[in-house]
Structure formats: structure tokens, C-alpha cells
Amino acid sequence: MLPQKNRLIKNNDFYRLAKTGKASFSKEMILKSVKNNLPYSRFGIIVSLKVDKKATARNKIKRKIREILRLNLSLISPGYDFMILTKDKIKELNYHQIEQKIFELLKNFLLKEDKK
């Protein structure tokens, strides 16, 4: 599970990211990012009803993304807030494909010596 300090929880944080965040796009998800002036990065994951009507399917996608982020937290530059918005095509991907897509979107935020 992603540590509490690395999670975006407040609505104001999501609103700020939605309005001022820089976006990166793929067919399966959108990554928005903004500087947060903290010594660590925080993440918020949004899986809407458009992806799947079943809560269990949406939660499974969120769990996969959180686990990918938790395992690779040390590779991501600190000091940013990230919001991951998923699209319906994400249902077609397995764990490793989701991991690859996240790294493609995060490539500008990976630490220089640890880029995949």
C-alpha cells in the first residue's frame, strides 16, 4: 500500500492539479503534475465510472497502480503532486503493461541515474 504521506487526499489538492497541472497523455491514462514544495511526492488516482460500472473492477485498477507507485517510489523525483486519470482502455492492460505506461508518462520525473 502506498504510504499515507504519498497520497493526495484533499479535494483542494485535486482541484489545484486539475486547474494548473501540466498534463501528459496516453491512450490509457492522463498524468497531471505540479510542484508541491515538499520533500516527497504525492499521488492521486482517479478511476471513473466510465472505465467500469463495477466498483470491484475500478478498485482493482487502483490497487495495481498504487502498488506500481509504491514499488518504484524511490525512482521518482521528490517535490511533485501527481494525479493519474484513467481511461476505459486501461481495462485491456495487465500489470506489466500498466507499469510500462506509467513509466512512459513519468519519464520526465524519474531520477536521472534510474531511468528505465
Protein backbone atom coordinates (compact mmCIF):
# COMPACT_ATOMS: atom_id res chain seq x y z
CA MET A 1 0.00 0.00 0.00
CA LEU A 2 1.21 3.49 -0.81
CA PRO A 3 2.34 5.30 2.39
CA GLN A 4 -0.10 7.88 3.78
CA LYS A 5 2.28 10.81 3.20
CA ASN A 6 2.50 9.91 -0.50
CA ARG A 7 -1.26 10.08 -1.09
CA LEU A 8 -3.33 13.01 -2.29
CA ILE A 9 -6.46 13.14 -0.17
CA LYS A 10 -7.80 16.70 -0.01
CA ASN A 11 -10.20 17.98 -2.65
CA ASN A 12 -8.21 21.24 -2.83
CA ASP A 13 -5.13 19.31 -3.98
CA PHE A 14 -7.07 17.53 -6.72
CA TYR A 15 -8.70 20.81 -7.78
CA ARG A 16 -5.29 22.57 -7.94
CA LEU A 17 -3.86 19.75 -10.04
CA ALA A 18 -6.84 19.76 -12.39
CA LYS A 19 -6.60 23.52 -12.96
CA THR A 20 -2.85 24.17 -13.01
CA GLY A 21 -1.19 20.80 -13.58
CA LYS A 22 0.86 20.01 -16.67
CA ALA A 23 -0.57 17.02 -18.49
CA SER A 24 0.96 14.01 -20.24
CA PHE A 25 -1.32 11.77 -22.27
CA SER A 26 -1.54 8.16 -23.40
CA LYS A 27 -4.47 6.12 -24.73
CA GLU A 28 -4.99 4.54 -21.32
CA MET A 29 -4.38 7.37 -18.84
CA ILE A 30 -3.58 11.03 -18.26
CA LEU A 31 -0.92 12.21 -15.82
CA LYS A 32 -1.16 15.71 -14.37
CA SER A 33 1.68 17.11 -12.29
CA VAL A 34 2.51 20.23 -10.33
CA LYS A 35 5.33 21.21 -7.94
CA ASN A 36 4.38 20.83 -4.25
CA ASN A 37 7.45 22.18 -2.35
CA LEU A 38 7.53 19.11 -0.10
CA PRO A 39 10.46 16.68 0.36
CA TYR A 40 8.35 13.86 -1.14
CA SER A 41 5.91 13.31 -3.99
CA ARG A 42 2.19 12.62 -3.61
CA PHE A 43 -0.16 10.71 -5.88
CA GLY A 44 -3.89 10.66 -6.52
CA ILE A 45 -5.60 8.07 -8.70
CA ILE A 46 -8.97 8.57 -10.36
CA VAL A 47 -10.82 5.67 -11.97
CA SER A 48 -14.25 6.89 -13.05
CA LEU A 49 -17.49 5.06 -13.76
CA LYS A 50 -16.71 5.44 -17.46
CA VAL A 51 -13.91 2.89 -17.02
CA ASP A 52 -16.17 0.26 -15.45
CA LYS A 53 -19.52 0.33 -13.66
CA LYS A 54 -18.37 -2.24 -11.10
CA ALA A 55 -16.60 -0.85 -8.04
CA THR A 56 -14.54 -4.03 -7.67
CA ALA A 57 -13.09 -3.60 -11.17
CA ARG A 58 -12.28 0.08 -10.53
CA ASN A 59 -10.65 -0.73 -7.19
CA LYS A 60 -8.56 -3.49 -8.75
CA ILE A 61 -7.15 -0.97 -11.24
CA LYS A 62 -6.40 1.48 -8.40
CA ARG A 63 -4.64 -1.24 -6.38
CA LYS A 64 -2.43 -2.15 -9.34
CA ILE A 65 -1.45 1.49 -9.90
CA ARG A 66 -0.78 2.09 -6.19
CA GLU A 67 1.43 -1.00 -5.99
CA ILE A 68 3.41 0.09 -9.06
CA LEU A 69 3.94 3.51 -7.49
CA ARG A 70 4.87 2.06 -4.09
CA LEU A 71 7.50 -0.27 -5.52
CA ASN A 72 9.05 2.49 -7.64
CA LEU A 73 8.70 5.45 -5.26
CA SER A 74 12.45 5.77 -4.82
CA LEU A 75 12.90 6.28 -8.59
CA ILE A 76 10.53 9.27 -8.77
CA SER A 77 11.84 12.77 -8.12
CA PRO A 78 10.50 14.25 -4.87
CA GLY A 79 8.60 17.51 -4.67
CA TYR A 80 5.67 16.89 -7.05
CA ASP A 81 1.97 16.15 -6.83
CA PHE A 82 0.67 13.72 -9.45
CA MET A 83 -2.87 12.86 -10.48
CA ILE A 84 -3.45 9.79 -12.64
CA LEU A 85 -6.75 9.82 -14.52
CA THR A 86 -7.56 6.50 -16.15
CA LYS A 87 -9.45 5.93 -19.39
CA ASP A 88 -11.53 2.90 -20.35
CA LYS A 89 -8.70 1.33 -22.42
CA ILE A 90 -6.81 0.59 -19.19
CA LYS A 91 -9.03 -2.47 -18.66
CA GLU A 92 -7.27 -4.15 -21.57
CA LEU A 93 -3.81 -3.92 -19.93
CA ASN A 94 -2.18 -6.31 -17.49
CA TYR A 95 0.02 -5.28 -14.54
CA HIS A 96 3.29 -5.06 -16.51
CA GLN A 97 1.69 -3.08 -19.33
CA ILE A 98 0.22 -0.61 -16.83
CA GLU A 99 3.67 -0.30 -15.22
CA GLN A 100 5.21 0.44 -18.62
CA LYS A 101 2.59 3.10 -19.41
CA ILE A 102 3.11 4.79 -16.03
CA PHE A 103 6.87 4.92 -16.62
CA GLU A 104 6.31 6.42 -20.07
CA LEU A 105 4.20 9.18 -18.52
CA LEU A 106 6.60 9.68 -15.58
CA LYS A 107 9.78 9.67 -17.70
CA ASN A 108 10.41 13.38 -17.06
CA PHE A 109 10.10 12.89 -13.30
CA LEU A 110 12.37 9.88 -12.86
CA LEU A 111 15.71 10.40 -11.20
CA LYS A 112 18.39 10.75 -13.88
CA GLU A 113 20.50 7.73 -12.90
CA ASP A 114 17.49 5.42 -12.53
CA LYS A 115 15.55 5.99 -15.78
CA LYS A 116 14.07 2.82 -17.24
